[in-house]
Amino acid sequence: MPIKTAPALPVTSEQRAELTRMARSSTLPHRAVVQARGLLLAADGVANQEIA
């Protein structure tokens, strides 16, 4: 069964920069880093099943 891809999550360049900073952080809680990475993947149009 093919994986349906949701439309890419729209983010501004400022939001993408902040999410990238968060995703690379070694001081933020792990949960925040994982969430930032997931949001960046969604912004790139990656399917929800692949992100999960």
PDB file of N, CA and C in Angstrom:
ATOM      1  N   MET A   1       0.847  -1.168   0.000  1.00  0.00           N
ATOM      2  CA  MET A   1       0.000   0.000   0.000  1.00  0.00           C
ATOM      3  C   MET A   1       0.900   1.240   0.000  1.00  0.00           C
ATOM      4  N   PRO A   2       0.681   2.154  -0.957  1.00  0.00           N
ATOM      5  CA  PRO A   2       1.526   3.347  -1.006  1.00  0.00           C
ATOM      6  C   PRO A   2       1.292   4.259   0.193  1.00  0.00           C
ATOM      7  N   ILE A   3       2.345   4.927   0.598  1.00  0.00           N
ATOM      8  CA  ILE A   3       2.256   5.857   1.721  1.00  0.00           C
ATOM      9  C   ILE A   3       1.742   7.194   1.199  1.00  0.00           C
ATOM     10  N   LYS A   4       0.663   7.687   1.807  1.00  0.00           N
ATOM     11  CA  LYS A   4       0.138   8.993   1.428  1.00  0.00           C
ATOM     12  C   LYS A   4       0.973  10.065   2.116  1.00  0.00           C
ATOM     13  N   THR A   5       1.342  11.053   1.345  1.00  0.00           N
ATOM     14  CA  THR A   5       2.129  12.146   1.889  1.00  0.00           C
ATOM     15  C   THR A   5       1.241  13.364   2.056  1.00  0.00           C
ATOM     16  N   ALA A   6       1.203  13.896   3.252  1.00  0.00           N
ATOM     17  CA  ALA A   6       0.445  15.116   3.519  1.00  0.00           C
ATOM     18  C   ALA A   6       1.177  16.289   2.877  1.00  0.00           C
ATOM     19  N   PRO A   7       0.459  17.359   2.598  1.00  0.00           N
ATOM     20  CA  PRO A   7       1.153  18.546   2.079  1.00  0.00           C
ATOM     21  C   PRO A   7       2.222  19.004   3.073  1.00  0.00           C
ATOM     22  N   ALA A   8       3.290  19.548   2.536  1.00  0.00           N
ATOM     23  CA  ALA A   8       4.384  20.013   3.395  1.00  0.00           C
ATOM     24  C   ALA A   8       3.878  21.070   4.371  1.00  0.00           C
ATOM     25  N   LEU A   9       4.379  20.997   5.581  1.00  0.00           N
ATOM     26  CA  LEU A   9       4.028  21.963   6.620  1.00  0.00           C
ATOM     27  C   LEU A   9       4.648  23.312   6.257  1.00  0.00           C
ATOM     28  N   PRO A  10       3.830  24.358   6.109  1.00  0.00           N
ATOM     29  CA  PRO A  10       4.416  25.654   5.735  1.00  0.00           C
ATOM     30  C   PRO A  10       5.141  26.298   6.919  1.00  0.00           C
ATOM     31  N   VAL A  11       6.402  26.627   6.729  1.00  0.00           N
ATOM     32  CA  VAL A  11       7.177  27.317   7.762  1.00  0.00           C
ATOM     33  C   VAL A  11       7.947  28.466   7.111  1.00  0.00           C
ATOM     34  N   THR A  12       8.097  29.538   7.847  1.00  0.00           N
ATOM     35  CA  THR A  12       8.878  30.675   7.356  1.00  0.00           C
ATOM     36  C   THR A  12      10.363  30.368   7.515  1.00  0.00           C
ATOM     37  N   SER A  13      11.187  31.172   6.893  1.00  0.00           N
ATOM     38  CA  SER A  13      12.631  30.960   7.022  1.00  0.00           C
ATOM     39  C   SER A  13      13.089  31.170   8.465  1.00  0.00           C
ATOM     40  N   GLU A  14      12.434  32.093   9.175  1.00  0.00           N
ATOM     41  CA  GLU A  14      12.781  32.312  10.581  1.00  0.00           C
ATOM     42  C   GLU A  14      12.402  31.098  11.427  1.00  0.00           C
ATOM     43  N   GLN A  15      11.224  30.526  11.155  1.00  0.00           N
ATOM     44  CA  GLN A  15      10.788  29.338  11.890  1.00  0.00           C
ATOM     45  C   GLN A  15      11.706  28.161  11.593  1.00  0.00           C
ATOM     46  N   ARG A  16      12.084  27.993  10.324  1.00  0.00           N
ATOM     47  CA  ARG A  16      12.988  26.900   9.954  1.00  0.00           C
ATOM     48  C   ARG A  16      14.334  27.062  10.655  1.00  0.00           C
ATOM     49  N   ALA A  17      14.828  28.279  10.724  1.00  0.00           N
ATOM     50  CA  ALA A  17      16.106  28.522  11.396  1.00  0.00           C
ATOM     51  C   ALA A  17      16.014  28.166  12.876  1.00  0.00           C
ATOM     52  N   GLU A  18      14.921  28.544  13.522  1.00  0.00           N
ATOM     53  CA  GLU A  18      14.744  28.230  14.945  1.00  0.00           C
ATOM     54  C   GLU A  18      14.598  26.726  15.154  1.00  0.00           C
ATOM     55  N   LEU A  19      13.826  26.055  14.299  1.00  0.00           N
ATOM     56  CA  LEU A  19      13.671  24.599  14.414  1.00  0.00           C
ATOM     57  C   LEU A  19      15.004  23.894  14.192  1.00  0.00           C
ATOM     58  N   THR A  20      15.790  24.376  13.250  1.00  0.00           N
ATOM     59  CA  THR A  20      17.106  23.787  12.994  1.00  0.00           C
ATOM     60  C   THR A  20      18.007  23.960  14.210  1.00  0.00           C
ATOM     61  N   ARG A  21      17.977  25.151  14.802  1.00  0.00           N
ATOM     62  CA  ARG A  21      18.772  25.401  16.013  1.00  0.00           C
ATOM     63  C   ARG A  21      18.351  24.450  17.123  1.00  0.00           C
ATOM     64  N   MET A  22      17.044  24.278  17.286  1.00  0.00           N
ATOM     65  CA  MET A  22      16.535  23.388  18.329  1.00  0.00           C
ATOM     66  C   MET A  22      16.915  21.938  18.048  1.00  0.00           C
ATOM     67  N   ALA A  23      16.810  21.514  16.788  1.00  0.00           N
ATOM     68  CA  ALA A  23      17.107  20.127  16.429  1.00  0.00           C
ATOM     69  C   ALA A  23      18.573  19.780  16.656  1.00  0.00           C
ATOM     70  N   ARG A  24      19.449  20.772  16.593  1.00  0.00           N
ATOM     71  CA  ARG A  24      20.889  20.542  16.776  1.00  0.00           C
ATOM     72  C   ARG A  24      21.351  20.767  18.210  1.00  0.00           C
ATOM     73  N   SER A  25      20.437  21.181  19.073  1.00  0.00           N
ATOM     74  CA  SER A  25      20.798  21.545  20.440  1.00  0.00           C
ATOM     75  C   SER A  25      21.221  20.329  21.266  1.00  0.00           C
ATOM     76  N   SER A  26      22.205  20.545  22.102  1.00  0.00           N
ATOM     77  CA  SER A  26      22.612  19.497  23.042  1.00  0.00           C
ATOM     78  C   SER A  26      22.188  19.856  24.464  1.00  0.00           C
ATOM     79  N   THR A  27      21.528  21.005  24.625  1.00  0.00           N
ATOM     80  CA  THR A  27      21.118  21.431  25.963  1.00  0.00           C
ATOM     81  C   THR A  27      19.606  21.407  26.166  1.00  0.00           C
ATOM     82  N   LEU A  28      18.840  21.387  25.081  1.00  0.00           N
ATOM     83  CA  LEU A  28      17.382  21.310  25.216  1.00  0.00           C
ATOM     84  C   LEU A  28      16.973  19.908  25.651  1.00  0.00           C
ATOM     85  N   PRO A  29      15.803  19.770  26.254  1.00  0.00           N
ATOM     86  CA  PRO A  29      15.304  18.428  26.571  1.00  0.00           C
ATOM     87  C   PRO A  29      15.165  17.594  25.296  1.00  0.00           C
ATOM     88  N   HIS A  30      15.426  16.312  25.419  1.00  0.00           N
ATOM     89  CA  HIS A  30      15.380  15.395  24.278  1.00  0.00           C
ATOM     90  C   HIS A  30      14.051  15.496  23.533  1.00  0.00           C
ATOM     91  N   ARG A  31      12.970  15.609  24.271  1.00  0.00           N
ATOM     92  CA  ARG A  31      11.641  15.690  23.655  1.00  0.00           C
ATOM     93  C   ARG A  31      11.543  16.877  22.697  1.00  0.00           C
ATOM     94  N   ALA A  32      12.066  18.024  23.091  1.00  0.00           N
ATOM     95  CA  ALA A  32      12.020  19.222  22.247  1.00  0.00           C
ATOM     96  C   ALA A  32      12.849  19.034  20.978  1.00  0.00           C
ATOM     97  N   VAL A  33      13.991  18.372  21.105  1.00  0.00           N
ATOM     98  CA  VAL A  33      14.855  18.112  19.954  1.00  0.00           C
ATOM     99  C   VAL A  33      14.152  17.183  18.972  1.00  0.00           C
ATOM    100  N   VAL A  34      13.544  16.121  19.475  1.00  0.00           N
ATOM    101  CA  VAL A  34      12.839  15.168  18.618  1.00  0.00           C
ATOM    102  C   VAL A  34      11.655  15.842  17.930  1.00  0.00           C
ATOM    103  N   GLN A  35      10.919  16.670  18.649  1.00  0.00           N
ATOM    104  CA  GLN A  35       9.784  17.373  18.054  1.00  0.00           C
ATOM    105  C   GLN A  35      10.255  18.329  16.960  1.00  0.00           C
ATOM    106  N   ALA A  36      11.333  19.035  17.189  1.00  0.00           N
ATOM    107  CA  ALA A  36      11.865  19.956  16.182  1.00  0.00           C
ATOM    108  C   ALA A  36      12.282  19.195  14.931  1.00  0.00           C
ATOM    109  N   ARG A  37      12.923  18.043  15.104  1.00  0.00           N
ATOM    110  CA  ARG A  37      13.324  17.229  13.949  1.00  0.00           C
ATOM    111  C   ARG A  37      12.106  16.758  13.166  1.00  0.00           C
ATOM    112  N   GLY A  38      11.072  16.342  13.883  1.00  0.00           N
ATOM    113  CA  GLY A  38       9.843  15.899  13.226  1.00  0.00           C
ATOM    114  C   GLY A  38       9.176  17.016  12.448  1.00  0.00           C
ATOM    115  N   LEU A  39       9.155  18.208  13.014  1.00  0.00           N
ATOM    116  CA  LEU A  39       8.567  19.350  12.316  1.00  0.00           C
ATOM    117  C   LEU A  39       9.374  19.713  11.073  1.00  0.00           C
ATOM    118  N   LEU A  40      10.684  19.617  11.141  1.00  0.00           N
ATOM    119  CA  LEU A  40      11.510  19.885   9.964  1.00  0.00           C
ATOM    120  C   LEU A  40      11.247  18.860   8.865  1.00  0.00           C
ATOM    121  N   LEU A  41      11.092  17.606   9.246  1.00  0.00           N
ATOM    122  CA  LEU A  41      10.773  16.575   8.254  1.00  0.00           C
ATOM    123  C   LEU A  41       9.414  16.840   7.624  1.00  0.00           C
ATOM    124  N   ALA A  42       8.433  17.224   8.440  1.00  0.00           N
ATOM    125  CA  ALA A  42       7.100  17.538   7.921  1.00  0.00           C
ATOM    126  C   ALA A  42       7.162  18.735   6.979  1.00  0.00           C
ATOM    127  N   ALA A  43       7.992  19.704   7.297  1.00  0.00           N
ATOM    128  CA  ALA A  43       8.144  20.878   6.435  1.00  0.00           C
ATOM    129  C   ALA A  43       8.775  20.506   5.098  1.00  0.00           C
ATOM    130  N   ASP A  44       9.559  19.430   5.093  1.00  0.00           N
ATOM    131  CA  ASP A  44      10.182  18.956   3.855  1.00  0.00           C
ATOM    132  C   ASP A  44       9.263  18.024   3.072  1.00  0.00           C
ATOM    133  N   GLY A  45       8.062  17.765   3.597  1.00  0.00           N
ATOM    134  CA  GLY A  45       7.092  16.945   2.888  1.00  0.00           C
ATOM    135  C   GLY A  45       7.227  15.448   3.110  1.00  0.00           C
ATOM    136  N   VAL A  46       7.947  15.041   4.136  1.00  0.00           N
ATOM    137  CA  VAL A  46       8.105  13.619   4.449  1.00  0.00           C
ATOM    138  C   VAL A  46       6.780  13.087   5.000  1.00  0.00           C
ATOM    139  N   ALA A  47       6.411  11.875   4.598  1.00  0.00           N
ATOM    140  CA  ALA A  47       5.150  11.272   5.029  1.00  0.00           C
ATOM    141  C   ALA A  47       5.134  11.073   6.542  1.00  0.00           C
ATOM    142  N   ASN A  48       3.955  11.235   7.125  1.00  0.00           N
ATOM    143  CA  ASN A  48       3.800  11.084   8.574  1.00  0.00           C
ATOM    144  C   ASN A  48       4.258   9.713   9.050  1.00  0.00           C
ATOM    145  N   GLN A  49       3.973   8.655   8.289  1.00  0.00           N
ATOM    146  CA  GLN A  49       4.383   7.304   8.687  1.00  0.00           C
ATOM    147  C   GLN A  49       5.903   7.185   8.735  1.00  0.00           C
ATOM    148  N   GLU A  50       6.586   7.865   7.850  1.00  0.00           N
ATOM    149  CA  GLU A  50       8.049   7.825   7.860  1.00  0.00           C
ATOM    150  C   GLU A  50       8.608   8.610   9.039  1.00  0.00           C
ATOM    151  N   ILE A  51       7.948   9.709   9.386  1.00  0.00           N
ATOM    152  CA  ILE A  51       8.395  10.515  10.524  1.00  0.00           C
ATOM    153  C   ILE A  51       8.210   9.734  11.815  1.00  0.00           C
ATOM    154  N   ALA A  52       7.083   9.045  11.929  1.00  0.00           N
ATOM    155  CA  ALA A  52       6.784   8.279  13.137  1.00  0.00           C
ATOM    156  C   ALA A  52       7.750   7.129  13.253  1.00  0.00           C
TER     157      ALA A  52
END
